[in-house]
Amino acid sequence: MDCPKCGKQMEEGWLAIYEPLPITRVVWQPVEPGQVRVKKPEGAVRVIRPKAGGKGCPTGHICKACEMTVFSYAESDVT
């Protein structure tokens, strides 16, 4: 896949977290992160659903040249 920012070839991999806690949530949000929140902001979308054995991590692509990451959080793209 070509990078949408610089056009160079991207490397395929996974978006992952390490040592997830049972309450870990990784979200995309439309507002700048601020103080620690108990609830996710309105409009936030959960993009990683951590599960045992490394499951719940979406596949994606990274461009190390311009530090761009592209991934799909669709259930069909989550391993």
PDB file of N, CA and C in Angstrom:
ATOM      1  N   MET A   1       0.848  -1.175   0.000  1.00  0.00           N
ATOM      2  CA  MET A   1       0.000   0.000   0.000  1.00  0.00           C
ATOM      3  C   MET A   1       0.895   1.240   0.000  1.00  0.00           C
ATOM      4  N   ASP A   2       0.512   2.239  -0.768  1.00  0.00           N
ATOM      5  CA  ASP A   2       1.263   3.490  -0.806  1.00  0.00           C
ATOM      6  C   ASP A   2       0.742   4.435   0.275  1.00  0.00           C
ATOM      7  N   CYS A   3       1.634   5.162   0.896  1.00  0.00           N
ATOM      8  CA  CYS A   3       1.282   6.115   1.945  1.00  0.00           C
ATOM      9  C   CYS A   3       0.441   7.251   1.351  1.00  0.00           C
ATOM     10  N   PRO A   4      -0.689   7.578   1.987  1.00  0.00           N
ATOM     11  CA  PRO A   4      -1.525   8.665   1.478  1.00  0.00           C
ATOM     12  C   PRO A   4      -0.900  10.044   1.688  1.00  0.00           C
ATOM     13  N   LYS A   5       0.122  10.120   2.540  1.00  0.00           N
ATOM     14  CA  LYS A   5       0.758  11.407   2.839  1.00  0.00           C
ATOM     15  C   LYS A   5       1.950  11.688   1.933  1.00  0.00           C
ATOM     16  N   CYS A   6       2.850  10.684   1.776  1.00  0.00           N
ATOM     17  CA  CYS A   6       4.083  10.929   1.015  1.00  0.00           C
ATOM     18  C   CYS A   6       4.218  10.060  -0.235  1.00  0.00           C
ATOM     19  N   GLY A   7       3.371   9.016  -0.375  1.00  0.00           N
ATOM     20  CA  GLY A   7       3.392   8.173  -1.553  1.00  0.00           C
ATOM     21  C   GLY A   7       4.375   7.012  -1.519  1.00  0.00           C
ATOM     22  N   LYS A   8       5.189   6.895  -0.457  1.00  0.00           N
ATOM     23  CA  LYS A   8       6.143   5.789  -0.353  1.00  0.00           C
ATOM     24  C   LYS A   8       5.418   4.507   0.063  1.00  0.00           C
ATOM     25  N   GLN A   9       6.081   3.375  -0.160  1.00  0.00           N
ATOM     26  CA  GLN A   9       5.518   2.071   0.189  1.00  0.00           C
ATOM     27  C   GLN A   9       5.394   1.943   1.704  1.00  0.00           C
ATOM     28  N   MET A  10       4.243   1.444   2.171  1.00  0.00           N
ATOM     29  CA  MET A  10       4.009   1.239   3.594  1.00  0.00           C
ATOM     30  C   MET A  10       4.246  -0.222   3.957  1.00  0.00           C
ATOM     31  N   GLU A  11       4.594  -0.454   5.207  1.00  0.00           N
ATOM     32  CA  GLU A  11       4.831  -1.798   5.724  1.00  0.00           C
ATOM     33  C   GLU A  11       3.573  -2.289   6.440  1.00  0.00           C
ATOM     34  N   GLU A  12       3.184  -3.551   6.181  1.00  0.00           N
ATOM     35  CA  GLU A  12       1.988  -4.127   6.800  1.00  0.00           C
ATOM     36  C   GLU A  12       2.302  -4.660   8.183  1.00  0.00           C
ATOM     37  N   GLY A  13       1.354  -4.557   9.095  1.00  0.00           N
ATOM     38  CA  GLY A  13       1.531  -5.074  10.453  1.00  0.00           C
ATOM     39  C   GLY A  13       0.229  -4.977  11.225  1.00  0.00           C
ATOM     40  N   TRP A  14       0.313  -4.760  12.546  1.00  0.00           N
ATOM     41  CA  TRP A  14      -0.857  -4.687  13.417  1.00  0.00           C
ATOM     42  C   TRP A  14      -0.741  -3.501  14.356  1.00  0.00           C
ATOM     43  N   LEU A  15      -1.865  -2.924  14.710  1.00  0.00           N
ATOM     44  CA  LEU A  15      -1.930  -1.906  15.749  1.00  0.00           C
ATOM     45  C   LEU A  15      -2.192  -2.672  17.037  1.00  0.00           C
ATOM     46  N   ALA A  16      -1.310  -2.574  18.019  1.00  0.00           N
ATOM     47  CA  ALA A  16      -1.419  -3.413  19.211  1.00  0.00           C
ATOM     48  C   ALA A  16      -1.072  -2.638  20.469  1.00  0.00           C
ATOM     49  N   ILE A  17      -1.448  -3.207  21.602  1.00  0.00           N
ATOM     50  CA  ILE A  17      -1.035  -2.697  22.898  1.00  0.00           C
ATOM     51  C   ILE A  17      -0.359  -3.850  23.625  1.00  0.00           C
ATOM     52  N   TYR A  18       0.453  -3.520  24.604  1.00  0.00           N
ATOM     53  CA  TYR A  18       1.156  -4.542  25.372  1.00  0.00           C
ATOM     54  C   TYR A  18       0.671  -4.520  26.804  1.00  0.00           C
ATOM     55  N   GLU A  19       0.565  -5.706  27.392  1.00  0.00           N
ATOM     56  CA  GLU A  19       0.131  -5.894  28.763  1.00  0.00           C
ATOM     57  C   GLU A  19      -1.158  -5.131  29.060  1.00  0.00           C
ATOM     58  N   PRO A  20      -2.225  -5.424  28.312  1.00  0.00           N
ATOM     59  CA  PRO A  20      -3.478  -4.701  28.541  1.00  0.00           C
ATOM     60  C   PRO A  20      -4.106  -5.054  29.882  1.00  0.00           C
ATOM     61  N   LEU A  21      -4.668  -4.064  30.510  1.00  0.00           N
ATOM     62  CA  LEU A  21      -5.446  -4.275  31.724  1.00  0.00           C
ATOM     63  C   LEU A  21      -6.877  -4.602  31.301  1.00  0.00           C
ATOM     64  N   PRO A  22      -7.655  -5.216  32.159  1.00  0.00           N
ATOM     65  CA  PRO A  22      -9.038  -5.546  31.789  1.00  0.00           C
ATOM     66  C   PRO A  22      -9.861  -4.319  31.379  1.00  0.00           C
ATOM     67  N   ILE A  23      -9.479  -3.126  31.833  1.00  0.00           N
ATOM     68  CA  ILE A  23     -10.256  -1.927  31.504  1.00  0.00           C
ATOM     69  C   ILE A  23      -9.635  -1.112  30.374  1.00  0.00           C
ATOM     70  N   THR A  24      -8.590  -1.610  29.739  1.00  0.00           N
ATOM     71  CA  THR A  24      -7.917  -0.868  28.682  1.00  0.00           C
ATOM     72  C   THR A  24      -8.838  -0.656  27.491  1.00  0.00           C
ATOM     73  N   ARG A  25      -8.879   0.586  27.013  1.00  0.00           N
ATOM     74  CA  ARG A  25      -9.646   0.913  25.815  1.00  0.00           C
ATOM     75  C   ARG A  25      -8.796   1.834  24.961  1.00  0.00           C
ATOM     76  N   VAL A  26      -8.669   1.522  23.701  1.00  0.00           N
ATOM     77  CA  VAL A  26      -7.959   2.387  22.770  1.00  0.00           C
ATOM     78  C   VAL A  26      -9.001   2.954  21.830  1.00  0.00           C
ATOM     79  N   VAL A  27      -9.106   4.285  21.785  1.00  0.00           N
ATOM     80  CA  VAL A  27     -10.140   4.928  20.988  1.00  0.00           C
ATOM     81  C   VAL A  27      -9.547   5.991  20.079  1.00  0.00           C
ATOM     82  N   TRP A  28     -10.267   6.281  19.006  1.00  0.00           N
ATOM     83  CA  TRP A  28     -10.046   7.482  18.216  1.00  0.00           C
ATOM     84  C   TRP A  28     -11.074   8.462  18.736  1.00  0.00           C
ATOM     85  N   GLN A  29     -10.682   9.728  18.927  1.00  0.00           N
ATOM     86  CA  GLN A  29     -11.648  10.706  19.402  1.00  0.00           C
ATOM     87  C   GLN A  29     -11.523  12.009  18.629  1.00  0.00           C
ATOM     88  N   PRO A  30     -12.630  12.724  18.469  1.00  0.00           N
ATOM     89  CA  PRO A  30     -12.640  13.940  17.682  1.00  0.00           C
ATOM     90  C   PRO A  30     -12.153  15.165  18.439  1.00  0.00           C
ATOM     91  N   VAL A  31     -11.844  15.015  19.738  1.00  0.00           N
ATOM     92  CA  VAL A  31     -11.366  16.142  20.531  1.00  0.00           C
ATOM     93  C   VAL A  31      -9.964  15.860  21.041  1.00  0.00           C
ATOM     94  N   GLU A  32      -9.192  16.905  21.274  1.00  0.00           N
ATOM     95  CA  GLU A  32      -7.823  16.749  21.770  1.00  0.00           C
ATOM     96  C   GLU A  32      -7.846  16.106  23.156  1.00  0.00           C
ATOM     97  N   PRO A  33      -6.956  15.132  23.406  1.00  0.00           N
ATOM     98  CA  PRO A  33      -6.918  14.494  24.727  1.00  0.00           C
ATOM     99  C   PRO A  33      -6.570  15.525  25.799  1.00  0.00           C
ATOM    100  N   GLY A  34      -7.174  15.349  26.953  1.00  0.00           N
ATOM    101  CA  GLY A  34      -6.919  16.267  28.065  1.00  0.00           C
ATOM    102  C   GLY A  34      -6.689  15.490  29.333  1.00  0.00           C
ATOM    103  N   GLN A  35      -7.433  15.853  30.339  1.00  0.00           N
ATOM    104  CA  GLN A  35      -7.307  15.183  31.620  1.00  0.00           C
ATOM    105  C   GLN A  35      -7.836  13.762  31.519  1.00  0.00           C
ATOM    106  N   VAL A  36      -7.470  12.953  32.518  1.00  0.00           N
ATOM    107  CA  VAL A  36      -7.941  11.565  32.559  1.00  0.00           C
ATOM    108  C   VAL A  36      -9.468  11.569  32.618  1.00  0.00           C
ATOM    109  N   ARG A  37     -10.066  10.744  31.792  1.00  0.00           N
ATOM    110  CA  ARG A  37     -11.528  10.680  31.727  1.00  0.00           C
ATOM    111  C   ARG A  37     -12.021   9.314  32.192  1.00  0.00           C
ATOM    112  N   VAL A  38     -13.177   9.309  32.823  1.00  0.00           N
ATOM    113  CA  VAL A  38     -13.813   8.055  33.200  1.00  0.00           C
ATOM    114  C   VAL A  38     -14.607   7.523  32.013  1.00  0.00           C
ATOM    115  N   LYS A  39     -15.229   8.427  31.267  1.00  0.00           N
ATOM    116  CA  LYS A  39     -16.005   8.055  30.083  1.00  0.00           C
ATOM    117  C   LYS A  39     -15.282   8.552  28.842  1.00  0.00           C
ATOM    118  N   LYS A  40     -15.489   7.843  27.741  1.00  0.00           N
ATOM    119  CA  LYS A  40     -14.909   8.314  26.485  1.00  0.00           C
ATOM    120  C   LYS A  40     -15.700   9.527  26.001  1.00  0.00           C
ATOM    121  N   PRO A  41     -15.042  10.453  25.298  1.00  0.00           N
ATOM    122  CA  PRO A  41     -15.740  11.634  24.799  1.00  0.00           C
ATOM    123  C   PRO A  41     -16.815  11.261  23.771  1.00  0.00           C
ATOM    124  N   GLU A  42     -17.828  12.096  23.639  1.00  0.00           N
ATOM    125  CA  GLU A  42     -18.865  11.884  22.649  1.00  0.00           C
ATOM    126  C   GLU A  42     -18.233  11.833  21.264  1.00  0.00           C
ATOM    127  N   GLY A  43     -18.617  10.871  20.458  1.00  0.00           N
ATOM    128  CA  GLY A  43     -18.075  10.730  19.114  1.00  0.00           C
ATOM    129  C   GLY A  43     -16.837   9.844  19.042  1.00  0.00           C
ATOM    130  N   ALA A  44     -16.332   9.373  20.201  1.00  0.00           N
ATOM    131  CA  ALA A  44     -15.161   8.507  20.206  1.00  0.00           C
ATOM    132  C   ALA A  44     -15.523   7.130  19.652  1.00  0.00           C
ATOM    133  N   VAL A  45     -14.545   6.479  19.023  1.00  0.00           N
ATOM    134  CA  VAL A  45     -14.753   5.153  18.442  1.00  0.00           C
ATOM    135  C   VAL A  45     -13.676   4.223  18.988  1.00  0.00           C
ATOM    136  N   ARG A  46     -14.085   3.106  19.562  1.00  0.00           N
ATOM    137  CA  ARG A  46     -13.137   2.120  20.076  1.00  0.00           C
ATOM    138  C   ARG A  46     -12.477   1.407  18.909  1.00  0.00           C
ATOM    139  N   VAL A  47     -11.137   1.447  18.818  1.00  0.00           N
ATOM    140  CA  VAL A  47     -10.436   0.873  17.674  1.00  0.00           C
ATOM    141  C   VAL A  47      -9.651  -0.393  18.001  1.00  0.00           C
ATOM    142  N   ILE A  48      -9.441  -0.680  19.273  1.00  0.00           N
ATOM    143  CA  ILE A  48      -8.806  -1.935  19.681  1.00  0.00           C
ATOM    144  C   ILE A  48      -9.638  -2.545  20.796  1.00  0.00           C
ATOM    145  N   ARG A  49      -9.928  -3.828  20.650  1.00  0.00           N
ATOM    146  CA  ARG A  49     -10.645  -4.575  21.675  1.00  0.00           C
ATOM    147  C   ARG A  49      -9.703  -5.679  22.165  1.00  0.00           C
ATOM    148  N   PRO A  50      -8.825  -5.362  23.122  1.00  0.00           N
ATOM    149  CA  PRO A  50      -7.823  -6.334  23.542  1.00  0.00           C
ATOM    150  C   PRO A  50      -8.441  -7.611  24.107  1.00  0.00           C
ATOM    151  N   LYS A  51      -7.869  -8.737  23.686  1.00  0.00           N
ATOM    152  CA  LYS A  51      -8.308 -10.048  24.152  1.00  0.00           C
ATOM    153  C   LYS A  51      -7.072 -10.883  24.439  1.00  0.00           C
ATOM    154  N   ALA A  52      -7.234 -11.931  25.182  1.00  0.00           N
ATOM    155  CA  ALA A  52      -6.121 -12.817  25.523  1.00  0.00           C
ATOM    156  C   ALA A  52      -5.462 -13.382  24.271  1.00  0.00           C
ATOM    157  N   GLY A  53      -4.184 -13.605  24.343  1.00  0.00           N
ATOM    158  CA  GLY A  53      -3.454 -14.217  23.236  1.00  0.00           C
ATOM    159  C   GLY A  53      -3.178 -13.277  22.082  1.00  0.00           C
ATOM    160  N   GLY A  54      -3.247 -11.970  22.324  1.00  0.00           N
ATOM    161  CA  GLY A  54      -2.956 -11.007  21.262  1.00  0.00           C
ATOM    162  C   GLY A  54      -4.086 -10.801  20.284  1.00  0.00           C
ATOM    163  N   LYS A  55      -5.258 -11.323  20.586  1.00  0.00           N
ATOM    164  CA  LYS A  55      -6.415 -11.151  19.701  1.00  0.00           C
ATOM    165  C   LYS A  55      -6.999  -9.751  19.899  1.00  0.00           C
ATOM    166  N   GLY A  56      -7.735  -9.279  18.901  1.00  0.00           N
ATOM    167  CA  GLY A  56      -8.384  -7.983  18.999  1.00  0.00           C
ATOM    168  C   GLY A  56      -7.568  -6.834  18.447  1.00  0.00           C
ATOM    169  N   CYS A  57      -6.449  -7.131  17.789  1.00  0.00           N
ATOM    170  CA  CYS A  57      -5.589  -6.092  17.222  1.00  0.00           C
ATOM    171  C   CYS A  57      -5.829  -5.982  15.716  1.00  0.00           C
ATOM    172  N   PRO A  58      -6.186  -4.791  15.224  1.00  0.00           N
ATOM    173  CA  PRO A  58      -6.452  -4.638  13.795  1.00  0.00           C
ATOM    174  C   PRO A  58      -5.185  -4.621  12.951  1.00  0.00           C
ATOM    175  N   THR A  59      -5.293  -5.108  11.723  1.00  0.00           N
ATOM    176  CA  THR A  59      -4.175  -5.022  10.792  1.00  0.00           C
ATOM    177  C   THR A  59      -4.073  -3.587  10.285  1.00  0.00           C
ATOM    178  N   GLY A  60      -2.898  -3.217   9.848  1.00  0.00           N
ATOM    179  CA  GLY A  60      -2.707  -1.862   9.356  1.00  0.00           C
ATOM    180  C   GLY A  60      -1.406  -1.724   8.598  1.00  0.00           C
ATOM    181  N   HIS A  61      -1.090  -0.498   8.233  1.00  0.00           N
ATOM    182  CA  HIS A  61       0.133  -0.190   7.492  1.00  0.00           C
ATOM    183  C   HIS A  61       0.810   1.015   8.136  1.00  0.00           C
ATOM    184  N   ILE A  62       2.150   1.028   8.116  1.00  0.00           N
ATOM    185  CA  ILE A  62       2.915   2.126   8.679  1.00  0.00           C
ATOM    186  C   ILE A  62       3.903   2.649   7.643  1.00  0.00           C
ATOM    187  N   CYS A  63       4.038   3.953   7.588  1.00  0.00           N
ATOM    188  CA  CYS A  63       5.053   4.597   6.763  1.00  0.00           C
ATOM    189  C   CYS A  63       6.086   5.170   7.722  1.00  0.00           C
ATOM    190  N   LYS A  64       7.245   4.559   7.763  1.00  0.00           N
ATOM    191  CA  LYS A  64       8.282   5.013   8.684  1.00  0.00           C
ATOM    192  C   LYS A  64       8.951   6.291   8.192  1.00  0.00           C
ATOM    193  N   ALA A  65       8.765   6.627   6.910  1.00  0.00           N
ATOM    194  CA  ALA A  65       9.354   7.845   6.349  1.00  0.00           C
ATOM    195  C   ALA A  65       8.673   9.100   6.907  1.00  0.00           C
ATOM    196  N   CYS A  66       7.333   9.087   6.980  1.00  0.00           N
ATOM    197  CA  CYS A  66       6.621  10.280   7.463  1.00  0.00           C
ATOM    198  C   CYS A  66       5.796  10.009   8.721  1.00  0.00           C
ATOM    199  N   GLU A  67       5.952   8.809   9.285  1.00  0.00           N
ATOM    200  CA  GLU A  67       5.312   8.425  10.540  1.00  0.00           C
ATOM    201  C   GLU A  67       3.785   8.433  10.461  1.00  0.00           C
ATOM    202  N   MET A  68       3.258   7.963   9.342  1.00  0.00           N
ATOM    203  CA  MET A  68       1.812   7.848   9.128  1.00  0.00           C
ATOM    204  C   MET A  68       1.411   6.387   9.355  1.00  0.00           C
ATOM    205  N   THR A  69       0.288   6.165  10.045  1.00  0.00           N
ATOM    206  CA  THR A  69      -0.256   4.831  10.239  1.00  0.00           C
ATOM    207  C   THR A  69      -1.676   4.809   9.702  1.00  0.00           C
ATOM    208  N   VAL A  70      -2.017   3.753   8.952  1.00  0.00           N
ATOM    209  CA  VAL A  70      -3.356   3.577   8.409  1.00  0.00           C
ATOM    210  C   VAL A  70      -3.827   2.190   8.830  1.00  0.00           C
ATOM    211  N   PHE A  71      -5.029   2.106   9.414  1.00  0.00           N
ATOM    212  CA  PHE A  71      -5.549   0.802   9.822  1.00  0.00           C
ATOM    213  C   PHE A  71      -7.067   0.816   9.749  1.00  0.00           C
ATOM    214  N   SER A  72      -7.634  -0.388   9.723  1.00  0.00           N
ATOM    215  CA  SER A  72      -9.077  -0.548   9.747  1.00  0.00           C
ATOM    216  C   SER A  72      -9.472  -1.176  11.071  1.00  0.00           C
ATOM    217  N   TYR A  73     -10.477  -0.624  11.713  1.00  0.00           N
ATOM    218  CA  TYR A  73     -10.933  -1.210  12.973  1.00  0.00           C
ATOM    219  C   TYR A  73     -12.182  -2.071  12.779  1.00  0.00           C
ATOM    220  N   ALA A  74     -12.509  -2.384  11.525  1.00  0.00           N
ATOM    221  CA  ALA A  74     -13.646  -3.251  11.234  1.00  0.00           C
ATOM    222  C   ALA A  74     -13.413  -4.633  11.831  1.00  0.00           C
ATOM    223  N   GLU A  75     -14.453  -5.240  12.364  1.00  0.00           N
ATOM    224  CA  GLU A  75     -14.319  -6.563  12.980  1.00  0.00           C
ATOM    225  C   GLU A  75     -13.686  -7.570  12.024  1.00  0.00           C
ATOM    226  N   SER A  76     -13.949  -7.448  10.726  1.00  0.00           N
ATOM    227  CA  SER A  76     -13.402  -8.378   9.757  1.00  0.00           C
ATOM    228  C   SER A  76     -11.891  -8.212   9.592  1.00  0.00           C
ATOM    229  N   ASP A  77     -11.325  -7.079   9.995  1.00  0.00           N
ATOM    230  CA  ASP A  77      -9.891  -6.824   9.878  1.00  0.00           C
ATOM    231  C   ASP A  77      -9.134  -7.037  11.176  1.00  0.00           C
ATOM    232  N   VAL A  78      -9.827  -7.492  12.206  1.00  0.00           N
ATOM    233  CA  VAL A  78      -9.209  -7.700  13.513  1.00  0.00           C
ATOM    234  C   VAL A  78      -8.836  -9.162  13.652  1.00  0.00           C
ATOM    235  N   THR A  79      -7.577  -9.415  14.031  1.00  0.00           N
ATOM    236  CA  THR A  79      -7.126 -10.803  14.191  1.00  0.00           C
ATOM    237  C   THR A  79      -7.353 -11.306  15.587  1.00  0.00           C
TER     238      THR A  79
END
